[in-house]
N, C-alpha and C. Protein backbone atom coordinates (compact mmCIF):
# COMPACT_ATOMS: atom_id res chain seq x y z
N MET A 1 0.82 -1.19 0.00
CA MET A 1 0.00 0.00 0.00
C MET A 1 0.87 1.27 0.00
N ARG A 2 1.99 1.21 0.74
CA ARG A 2 2.84 2.39 0.82
C ARG A 2 3.44 2.72 -0.54
N LEU A 3 3.98 1.69 -1.19
CA LEU A 3 4.58 1.93 -2.50
C LEU A 3 3.53 2.37 -3.52
N MET A 4 2.35 1.78 -3.42
CA MET A 4 1.28 2.15 -4.35
C MET A 4 0.90 3.62 -4.17
N LYS A 5 0.84 4.07 -2.92
CA LYS A 5 0.48 5.47 -2.67
C LYS A 5 1.55 6.41 -3.22
N LEU A 6 2.84 6.07 -3.00
CA LEU A 6 3.90 6.91 -3.53
C LEU A 6 3.90 6.91 -5.05
N LYS A 7 3.62 5.76 -5.65
CA LYS A 7 3.57 5.69 -7.11
C LYS A 7 2.44 6.58 -7.64
N THR A 8 1.29 6.51 -6.99
CA THR A 8 0.15 7.34 -7.39
C THR A 8 0.49 8.82 -7.29
N ILE A 9 1.13 9.21 -6.21
CA ILE A 9 1.53 10.60 -6.02
C ILE A 9 2.53 11.00 -7.11
N GLY A 10 3.50 10.13 -7.38
CA GLY A 10 4.49 10.41 -8.42
C GLY A 10 3.87 10.56 -9.79
N VAL A 11 2.90 9.70 -10.11
CA VAL A 11 2.21 9.79 -11.40
C VAL A 11 1.44 11.10 -11.49
N GLU A 12 0.74 11.47 -10.42
CA GLU A 12 -0.02 12.73 -10.42
C GLU A 12 0.91 13.93 -10.59
N LEU A 13 2.04 13.91 -9.91
CA LEU A 13 2.99 15.02 -10.06
C LEU A 13 3.55 15.08 -11.47
N GLY A 14 3.75 13.92 -12.09
CA GLY A 14 4.29 13.86 -13.44
C GLY A 14 3.32 14.35 -14.50
N LYS A 15 2.02 14.31 -14.21
CA LYS A 15 1.01 14.75 -15.18
C LYS A 15 0.98 16.27 -15.33
N HIS A 16 1.36 16.96 -14.30
CA HIS A 16 1.28 18.42 -14.30
C HIS A 16 2.53 19.04 -14.91
N LYS A 17 2.39 20.28 -15.28
CA LYS A 17 3.53 21.02 -15.81
C LYS A 17 4.61 21.07 -14.72
N PRO A 18 5.85 20.82 -15.11
CA PRO A 18 6.92 20.78 -14.09
C PRO A 18 7.04 22.11 -13.34
N ARG A 19 7.03 21.99 -12.02
CA ARG A 19 7.25 23.17 -11.17
C ARG A 19 8.61 23.06 -10.50
N TRP A 20 9.40 22.17 -11.03
CA TRP A 20 10.71 21.88 -10.47
C TRP A 20 11.65 23.04 -10.76
N ARG A 21 12.23 23.58 -9.75
CA ARG A 21 13.19 24.67 -9.95
C ARG A 21 14.59 24.07 -10.01
N ARG A 22 15.34 24.53 -10.98
CA ARG A 22 16.73 24.09 -11.08
C ARG A 22 17.49 24.61 -9.87
N ILE A 23 18.29 23.75 -9.31
CA ILE A 23 19.03 24.12 -8.10
C ILE A 23 20.31 24.84 -8.50
N ASN A 24 20.58 25.91 -7.83
CA ASN A 24 21.78 26.69 -8.08
C ASN A 24 23.00 25.83 -7.72
N PRO A 25 23.92 25.60 -8.68
CA PRO A 25 25.09 24.77 -8.40
C PRO A 25 25.95 25.31 -7.26
N VAL A 26 26.01 26.62 -7.11
CA VAL A 26 26.79 27.21 -6.02
C VAL A 26 26.18 26.83 -4.67
N ALA A 27 24.85 26.82 -4.59
CA ALA A 27 24.18 26.43 -3.35
C ALA A 27 24.49 24.98 -3.00
N ILE A 28 24.56 24.14 -4.02
CA ILE A 28 24.90 22.73 -3.77
C ILE A 28 26.32 22.61 -3.26
N GLU A 29 27.26 23.34 -3.90
CA GLU A 29 28.66 23.29 -3.47
C GLU A 29 28.83 23.78 -2.04
N LEU A 30 28.05 24.76 -1.64
CA LEU A 30 28.15 25.30 -0.28
C LEU A 30 27.38 24.46 0.74
N GLY A 31 26.66 23.44 0.25
CA GLY A 31 25.90 22.59 1.16
C GLY A 31 24.60 23.20 1.62
N LEU A 32 24.12 24.21 0.90
CA LEU A 32 22.88 24.88 1.28
C LEU A 32 21.64 24.25 0.67
N SER A 33 21.84 23.35 -0.28
CA SER A 33 20.71 22.72 -0.94
C SER A 33 21.09 21.31 -1.36
N HIS A 34 20.08 20.49 -1.61
CA HIS A 34 20.30 19.12 -2.04
C HIS A 34 20.00 18.99 -3.53
N SER A 35 20.82 18.24 -4.19
CA SER A 35 20.54 17.92 -5.58
C SER A 35 20.11 16.47 -5.64
N ILE A 36 19.00 16.21 -6.30
CA ILE A 36 18.59 14.83 -6.49
C ILE A 36 19.26 14.39 -7.78
N ILE A 37 20.28 13.60 -7.63
CA ILE A 37 21.15 13.23 -8.74
C ILE A 37 20.35 12.57 -9.86
N GLY A 38 20.53 13.10 -11.07
CA GLY A 38 19.89 12.53 -12.24
C GLY A 38 18.52 13.12 -12.54
N LEU A 39 17.87 13.70 -11.57
CA LEU A 39 16.53 14.23 -11.80
C LEU A 39 16.56 15.67 -12.27
N ASP A 40 17.56 16.40 -11.87
CA ASP A 40 17.61 17.82 -12.20
C ASP A 40 17.75 18.05 -13.70
N ASP A 41 18.30 17.07 -14.43
CA ASP A 41 18.50 17.21 -15.87
C ASP A 41 17.32 16.73 -16.68
N HIS A 42 16.36 16.07 -16.07
CA HIS A 42 15.21 15.52 -16.79
C HIS A 42 14.22 16.65 -17.11
N PRO A 43 13.55 16.59 -18.30
CA PRO A 43 12.58 17.65 -18.65
C PRO A 43 11.44 17.79 -17.65
N ASN A 44 10.98 16.67 -17.09
CA ASN A 44 9.92 16.71 -16.08
C ASN A 44 10.38 15.85 -14.90
N PRO A 45 11.20 16.40 -14.03
CA PRO A 45 11.77 15.61 -12.93
C PRO A 45 10.73 14.96 -12.02
N ALA A 46 9.57 15.58 -11.86
CA ALA A 46 8.55 15.03 -10.97
C ALA A 46 8.08 13.66 -11.43
N SER A 47 8.11 13.41 -12.74
CA SER A 47 7.67 12.11 -13.26
C SER A 47 8.66 11.01 -12.91
N GLN A 48 9.85 11.36 -12.47
CA GLN A 48 10.89 10.38 -12.15
C GLN A 48 11.07 10.17 -10.65
N LEU A 49 10.24 10.78 -9.83
CA LEU A 49 10.41 10.68 -8.38
C LEU A 49 10.21 9.26 -7.86
N TYR A 50 9.18 8.57 -8.33
CA TYR A 50 8.92 7.21 -7.85
C TYR A 50 10.05 6.25 -8.25
N PRO A 51 10.48 6.22 -9.52
CA PRO A 51 11.62 5.36 -9.85
C PRO A 51 12.88 5.72 -9.06
N TYR A 52 13.07 7.01 -8.81
CA TYR A 52 14.20 7.45 -8.00
C TYR A 52 14.12 6.86 -6.59
N CYS A 53 12.94 6.91 -5.99
CA CYS A 53 12.76 6.37 -4.64
C CYS A 53 12.99 4.86 -4.61
N LEU A 54 12.52 4.15 -5.63
CA LEU A 54 12.76 2.70 -5.70
C LEU A 54 14.25 2.41 -5.82
N ASP A 55 14.95 3.23 -6.60
CA ASP A 55 16.39 3.06 -6.74
C ASP A 55 17.09 3.30 -5.40
N GLN A 56 16.66 4.33 -4.68
CA GLN A 56 17.25 4.61 -3.37
C GLN A 56 16.97 3.47 -2.38
N LEU A 57 15.77 2.92 -2.44
CA LEU A 57 15.42 1.79 -1.58
C LEU A 57 16.30 0.59 -1.89
N SER A 58 16.50 0.32 -3.16
CA SER A 58 17.36 -0.79 -3.58
C SER A 58 18.79 -0.57 -3.11
N ARG A 59 19.28 0.65 -3.26
CA ARG A 59 20.64 0.96 -2.81
C ARG A 59 20.77 0.81 -1.29
N TYR A 60 19.73 1.18 -0.56
CA TYR A 60 19.75 1.04 0.90
C TYR A 60 19.79 -0.43 1.30
N PHE A 61 18.94 -1.25 0.67
CA PHE A 61 18.92 -2.68 1.00
C PHE A 61 20.21 -3.38 0.58
N ASP A 62 20.86 -2.87 -0.47
CA ASP A 62 22.14 -3.45 -0.91
C ASP A 62 23.31 -2.96 -0.07
N GLY A 63 23.08 -1.99 0.81
CA GLY A 63 24.13 -1.48 1.69
C GLY A 63 24.99 -0.41 1.05
N GLU A 64 24.58 0.13 -0.09
CA GLU A 64 25.36 1.17 -0.76
C GLU A 64 25.25 2.52 -0.05
N ILE A 65 24.11 2.76 0.59
CA ILE A 65 23.92 4.00 1.35
C ILE A 65 23.42 3.65 2.74
N ASP A 66 23.69 4.53 3.70
CA ASP A 66 23.22 4.28 5.06
C ASP A 66 21.79 4.79 5.21
N PHE A 67 21.19 4.51 6.37
CA PHE A 67 19.79 4.86 6.58
C PHE A 67 19.56 6.37 6.52
N ASN A 68 20.46 7.14 7.12
CA ASN A 68 20.27 8.59 7.14
C ASN A 68 20.27 9.18 5.73
N SER A 69 21.17 8.69 4.87
CA SER A 69 21.20 9.17 3.48
C SER A 69 19.94 8.76 2.74
N PHE A 70 19.52 7.52 2.97
CA PHE A 70 18.29 7.03 2.34
C PHE A 70 17.10 7.89 2.76
N GLU A 71 16.96 8.10 4.06
CA GLU A 71 15.82 8.86 4.58
C GLU A 71 15.84 10.30 4.05
N GLU A 72 17.00 10.90 4.01
CA GLU A 72 17.10 12.28 3.53
C GLU A 72 16.72 12.38 2.06
N SER A 73 17.19 11.44 1.24
CA SER A 73 16.87 11.49 -0.19
C SER A 73 15.38 11.29 -0.43
N ILE A 74 14.75 10.44 0.37
CA ILE A 74 13.31 10.21 0.23
C ILE A 74 12.53 11.45 0.65
N ARG A 75 12.96 12.08 1.73
CA ARG A 75 12.25 13.27 2.21
C ARG A 75 12.43 14.46 1.26
N VAL A 76 13.56 14.51 0.56
CA VAL A 76 13.74 15.57 -0.43
C VAL A 76 12.82 15.33 -1.61
N ALA A 77 12.68 14.06 -2.03
CA ALA A 77 11.83 13.73 -3.18
C ALA A 77 10.34 13.89 -2.85
N PHE A 78 9.93 13.39 -1.69
CA PHE A 78 8.52 13.47 -1.27
C PHE A 78 8.46 14.10 0.12
N PRO A 79 8.49 15.43 0.21
CA PRO A 79 8.54 16.08 1.52
C PRO A 79 7.37 15.73 2.44
N ARG A 80 6.16 15.65 1.90
CA ARG A 80 4.99 15.38 2.75
C ARG A 80 4.72 13.90 2.94
N HIS A 81 5.11 13.07 1.99
CA HIS A 81 4.75 11.65 2.05
C HIS A 81 5.97 10.74 2.15
N GLY A 82 7.15 11.28 2.35
CA GLY A 82 8.36 10.48 2.42
C GLY A 82 8.38 9.50 3.59
N TYR A 83 7.63 9.80 4.63
CA TYR A 83 7.58 8.92 5.80
C TYR A 83 7.08 7.53 5.43
N LEU A 84 6.28 7.43 4.37
CA LEU A 84 5.74 6.13 3.96
C LEU A 84 6.86 5.17 3.58
N LEU A 85 7.90 5.68 2.97
CA LEU A 85 9.00 4.83 2.53
C LEU A 85 10.13 4.79 3.54
N SER A 86 10.27 5.85 4.35
CA SER A 86 11.39 5.88 5.28
C SER A 86 11.22 4.88 6.42
N THR A 87 10.02 4.38 6.64
CA THR A 87 9.82 3.37 7.69
C THR A 87 9.71 1.96 7.12
N VAL A 88 9.95 1.81 5.82
CA VAL A 88 9.80 0.50 5.20
C VAL A 88 10.85 -0.49 5.70
N ASP A 89 12.00 0.00 6.15
CA ASP A 89 13.02 -0.92 6.67
C ASP A 89 12.54 -1.61 7.95
N LYS A 90 11.84 -0.87 8.80
CA LYS A 90 11.30 -1.48 10.03
C LYS A 90 10.23 -2.50 9.69
N LEU A 91 9.40 -2.17 8.72
CA LEU A 91 8.36 -3.09 8.28
C LEU A 91 8.98 -4.36 7.70
N THR A 92 9.99 -4.20 6.85
CA THR A 92 10.65 -5.35 6.24
C THR A 92 11.33 -6.22 7.29
N ASN A 93 12.02 -5.60 8.23
CA ASN A 93 12.67 -6.37 9.30
C ASN A 93 11.64 -7.15 10.12
N SER A 94 10.52 -6.54 10.41
CA SER A 94 9.46 -7.21 11.16
C SER A 94 8.93 -8.42 10.41
N ILE A 95 8.70 -8.26 9.11
CA ILE A 95 8.20 -9.38 8.29
C ILE A 95 9.24 -10.50 8.24
N LEU A 96 10.51 -10.14 8.07
CA LEU A 96 11.57 -11.16 8.01
C LEU A 96 11.69 -11.92 9.33
N LYS A 97 11.52 -11.23 10.45
CA LYS A 97 11.56 -11.91 11.75
C LYS A 97 10.41 -12.90 11.88
N GLN A 98 9.23 -12.52 11.38
CA GLN A 98 8.08 -13.42 11.43
C GLN A 98 8.33 -14.66 10.59
N PHE A 99 8.88 -14.48 9.38
CA PHE A 99 9.20 -15.62 8.52
C PHE A 99 10.24 -16.52 9.17
N ALA A 100 11.26 -15.92 9.78
CA ALA A 100 12.29 -16.71 10.44
C ALA A 100 11.70 -17.52 11.58
N GLN A 101 10.79 -16.92 12.33
CA GLN A 101 10.15 -17.63 13.44
C GLN A 101 9.32 -18.80 12.92
N ILE A 102 8.62 -18.60 11.82
CA ILE A 102 7.80 -19.67 11.25
C ILE A 102 8.67 -20.84 10.82
N HIS A 103 9.81 -20.54 10.20
CA HIS A 103 10.65 -21.60 9.65
C HIS A 103 11.58 -22.24 10.68
N GLN A 104 11.72 -21.66 11.86
CA GLN A 104 12.56 -22.25 12.89
C GLN A 104 11.82 -23.30 13.71
N GLU A 105 10.57 -23.10 13.95
CA GLU A 105 9.78 -24.01 14.77
C GLU A 105 9.24 -25.17 13.93
N PRO A 106 9.50 -26.41 14.33
CA PRO A 106 8.98 -27.56 13.56
C PRO A 106 7.45 -27.58 13.48
N LYS A 107 6.77 -27.20 14.55
CA LYS A 107 5.31 -27.19 14.54
C LYS A 107 4.78 -26.17 13.53
N ASN A 108 5.45 -25.02 13.46
CA ASN A 108 5.03 -24.01 12.50
C ASN A 108 5.19 -24.50 11.07
N LYS A 109 6.27 -25.25 10.82
CA LYS A 109 6.48 -25.81 9.49
C LYS A 109 5.37 -26.79 9.13
N GLU A 110 4.99 -27.62 10.10
CA GLU A 110 3.91 -28.58 9.85
C GLU A 110 2.59 -27.85 9.56
N LEU A 111 2.30 -26.82 10.36
CA LEU A 111 1.07 -26.05 10.13
C LEU A 111 1.09 -25.34 8.78
N LEU A 112 2.25 -24.83 8.39
CA LEU A 112 2.37 -24.16 7.10
C LEU A 112 2.18 -25.16 5.95
N ASN A 113 2.76 -26.36 6.09
CA ASN A 113 2.56 -27.39 5.07
C ASN A 113 1.09 -27.79 4.97
N LEU A 114 0.44 -27.90 6.12
CA LEU A 114 -0.99 -28.23 6.14
C LEU A 114 -1.79 -27.14 5.42
N LEU A 115 -1.48 -25.89 5.70
CA LEU A 115 -2.16 -24.77 5.05
C LEU A 115 -1.91 -24.79 3.54
N ASN A 116 -0.67 -25.06 3.13
CA ASN A 116 -0.36 -25.10 1.70
C ASN A 116 -1.10 -26.22 0.99
N ARG A 117 -1.22 -27.38 1.64
CA ARG A 117 -1.98 -28.50 1.04
C ARG A 117 -3.45 -28.10 0.87
N GLU A 118 -3.98 -27.39 1.85
CA GLU A 118 -5.38 -26.95 1.76
C GLU A 118 -5.56 -25.91 0.66
N ARG A 119 -4.60 -25.01 0.51
CA ARG A 119 -4.72 -23.93 -0.49
C ARG A 119 -4.66 -24.46 -1.92
N ILE A 120 -4.06 -25.62 -2.12
CA ILE A 120 -3.97 -26.20 -3.47
C ILE A 120 -5.35 -26.60 -3.98
N LEU A 121 -6.22 -27.01 -3.07
CA LEU A 121 -7.56 -27.45 -3.47
C LEU A 121 -8.36 -26.28 -4.02
N SER A 122 -9.13 -26.55 -5.09
CA SER A 122 -9.91 -25.47 -5.70
C SER A 122 -11.13 -25.10 -4.85
N SER A 123 -11.77 -26.10 -4.24
CA SER A 123 -12.89 -25.81 -3.34
C SER A 123 -12.78 -26.73 -2.13
N ILE A 124 -13.25 -26.24 -1.00
CA ILE A 124 -13.12 -26.99 0.25
C ILE A 124 -14.50 -27.15 0.87
N SER A 125 -14.85 -28.37 1.15
CA SER A 125 -16.14 -28.64 1.78
C SER A 125 -16.01 -28.42 3.29
N PRO A 126 -17.11 -28.23 3.97
CA PRO A 126 -17.06 -28.06 5.43
C PRO A 126 -16.42 -29.27 6.13
N ILE A 127 -16.65 -30.47 5.61
CA ILE A 127 -16.07 -31.67 6.22
C ILE A 127 -14.55 -31.63 6.09
N THR A 128 -14.05 -31.19 4.93
CA THR A 128 -12.60 -31.08 4.73
C THR A 128 -12.02 -30.02 5.66
N GLN A 129 -12.73 -28.92 5.83
CA GLN A 129 -12.26 -27.88 6.75
C GLN A 129 -12.16 -28.40 8.18
N ILE A 130 -13.15 -29.17 8.59
CA ILE A 130 -13.13 -29.75 9.94
C ILE A 130 -11.96 -30.71 10.08
N SER A 131 -11.72 -31.50 9.03
CA SER A 131 -10.60 -32.45 9.04
C SER A 131 -9.27 -31.71 9.19
N TYR A 132 -9.09 -30.64 8.42
CA TYR A 132 -7.86 -29.85 8.52
C TYR A 132 -7.74 -29.21 9.90
N ARG A 133 -8.83 -28.78 10.46
CA ARG A 133 -8.79 -28.18 11.80
C ARG A 133 -8.34 -29.21 12.84
N HIS A 134 -8.86 -30.43 12.74
CA HIS A 134 -8.45 -31.48 13.68
C HIS A 134 -6.97 -31.82 13.50
N GLN A 135 -6.50 -31.84 12.26
CA GLN A 135 -5.08 -32.10 12.02
C GLN A 135 -4.22 -31.00 12.63
N ALA A 136 -4.65 -29.75 12.48
CA ALA A 136 -3.90 -28.63 13.05
C ALA A 136 -3.91 -28.68 14.57
N GLU A 137 -5.06 -29.04 15.15
CA GLU A 137 -5.15 -29.15 16.61
C GLU A 137 -4.27 -30.27 17.13
N SER A 138 -4.13 -31.36 16.36
CA SER A 138 -3.28 -32.46 16.80
C SER A 138 -1.80 -32.07 16.76
N ILE A 139 -1.44 -31.14 15.88
CA ILE A 139 -0.06 -30.66 15.82
C ILE A 139 0.26 -29.81 17.05
N LEU A 140 -0.69 -28.99 17.47
CA LEU A 140 -0.50 -28.12 18.63
C LEU A 140 -0.91 -28.82 19.91
N GLU A 141 -0.30 -28.41 21.00
CA GLU A 141 -0.70 -28.91 22.31
C GLU A 141 -1.70 -27.92 22.91
N GLU A 142 -2.48 -28.39 23.87
CA GLU A 142 -3.54 -27.54 24.45
C GLU A 142 -3.00 -26.28 25.10
N GLU A 143 -1.88 -26.36 25.79
CA GLU A 143 -1.38 -25.19 26.51
C GLU A 143 -0.74 -24.15 25.58
N GLU A 144 -0.67 -24.43 24.30
CA GLU A 144 -0.06 -23.48 23.37
C GLU A 144 -1.02 -22.38 22.94
N GLY A 145 -2.25 -22.44 23.35
CA GLY A 145 -3.18 -21.37 23.02
C GLY A 145 -4.24 -21.81 22.04
N GLU A 146 -4.99 -20.82 21.58
CA GLU A 146 -6.09 -21.09 20.67
C GLU A 146 -5.59 -21.19 19.24
N LEU A 147 -6.41 -21.82 18.42
CA LEU A 147 -6.08 -22.00 17.01
C LEU A 147 -7.02 -21.14 16.17
N PHE A 148 -6.44 -20.37 15.26
CA PHE A 148 -7.22 -19.51 14.39
C PHE A 148 -6.90 -19.83 12.94
N ARG A 149 -7.87 -19.67 12.09
CA ARG A 149 -7.68 -19.89 10.66
C ARG A 149 -7.33 -18.56 10.00
N ALA A 150 -6.29 -18.57 9.20
CA ALA A 150 -5.87 -17.36 8.49
C ALA A 150 -6.45 -17.36 7.09
N GLU A 151 -7.06 -16.27 6.72
CA GLU A 151 -7.61 -16.10 5.37
C GLU A 151 -6.87 -14.97 4.69
N TRP A 152 -6.54 -15.18 3.44
CA TRP A 152 -5.89 -14.14 2.66
C TRP A 152 -6.93 -13.44 1.81
N VAL A 153 -7.02 -12.13 1.95
CA VAL A 153 -7.95 -11.35 1.16
C VAL A 153 -7.13 -10.53 0.18
N SER A 154 -7.42 -10.67 -1.10
CA SER A 154 -6.66 -9.92 -2.09
C SER A 154 -6.99 -8.44 -1.98
N TYR A 155 -6.13 -7.61 -2.51
CA TYR A 155 -6.26 -6.17 -2.41
C TYR A 155 -7.55 -5.70 -3.09
N PHE A 156 -8.25 -4.83 -2.42
CA PHE A 156 -9.42 -4.19 -3.02
C PHE A 156 -9.45 -2.75 -2.55
N SER A 157 -10.17 -1.95 -3.27
CA SER A 157 -10.25 -0.53 -2.96
C SER A 157 -11.37 -0.28 -1.95
N PHE A 158 -11.05 0.43 -0.88
CA PHE A 158 -12.07 0.74 0.11
C PHE A 158 -13.16 1.64 -0.46
N SER A 159 -12.80 2.49 -1.40
CA SER A 159 -13.81 3.37 -1.98
C SER A 159 -14.83 2.57 -2.77
N ASP A 160 -14.39 1.47 -3.42
CA ASP A 160 -15.33 0.63 -4.16
C ASP A 160 -16.30 -0.06 -3.21
N THR A 161 -15.78 -0.59 -2.10
CA THR A 161 -16.64 -1.31 -1.17
C THR A 161 -17.58 -0.37 -0.44
N SER A 162 -17.11 0.83 -0.11
CA SER A 162 -18.00 1.76 0.60
C SER A 162 -19.13 2.23 -0.32
N ALA A 163 -18.84 2.36 -1.61
CA ALA A 163 -19.89 2.74 -2.56
C ALA A 163 -20.92 1.63 -2.66
N GLU A 164 -20.44 0.37 -2.70
CA GLU A 164 -21.37 -0.76 -2.75
C GLU A 164 -22.20 -0.83 -1.48
N ALA A 165 -21.55 -0.60 -0.33
CA ALA A 165 -22.26 -0.68 0.94
C ALA A 165 -23.34 0.40 1.02
N SER A 166 -23.04 1.60 0.55
CA SER A 166 -24.05 2.66 0.61
C SER A 166 -25.20 2.36 -0.34
N GLN A 167 -24.92 1.74 -1.49
CA GLN A 167 -25.99 1.37 -2.41
C GLN A 167 -26.87 0.28 -1.80
N ASN A 168 -26.22 -0.70 -1.13
CA ASN A 168 -26.99 -1.77 -0.48
C ASN A 168 -27.85 -1.22 0.64
N THR A 169 -27.31 -0.27 1.41
CA THR A 169 -28.08 0.34 2.49
C THR A 169 -29.27 1.09 1.92
N THR A 170 -29.04 1.80 0.82
CA THR A 170 -30.13 2.55 0.19
C THR A 170 -31.22 1.60 -0.31
N ARG A 171 -30.81 0.47 -0.88
CA ARG A 171 -31.79 -0.49 -1.38
C ARG A 171 -32.62 -1.07 -0.24
N ARG A 172 -31.97 -1.34 0.90
CA ARG A 172 -32.69 -1.92 2.03
C ARG A 172 -33.73 -0.95 2.58
N ARG A 173 -33.40 0.34 2.56
CA ARG A 173 -34.32 1.34 3.11
C ARG A 173 -35.56 1.51 2.23
N ASN A 174 -35.39 1.32 0.94
CA ASN A 174 -36.51 1.53 0.00
C ASN A 174 -37.53 0.44 0.06
């Protein structure tokens, strides 16, 4: 969602007439201003902000630049919305820790294999769901807590669903 929002903002900025001011080279030499390398020479630099941010993210993950340089370049490119990308390292680290935890525990591996076998099936009957639930419960011990089923919901637009909900509400009232 974060990358999608930045991409949308970048596309919108690229549609408009460039308001990008060329940076005075003397100001850059004196350290009074930042130059976004490669963008200042483009006819419409705003249209290149999103690819620039992705490049900076890649360079950060590859260890070519440190976090402070990464964060500063993102904030220069997207002053109001740069925070969306500047916290992506924390999000990525959190996700990687969760994956590592899943793959370290033998019980988690068994549960993941069980889930993958279930996901291969095109349709699942209630009896099959109950069977999978019993298999998952047999993998876990009682003192390990409750068992919940995880469902993956593909991306959808909230504006689309709210419009449908308001139409359904209107129909019910009539």
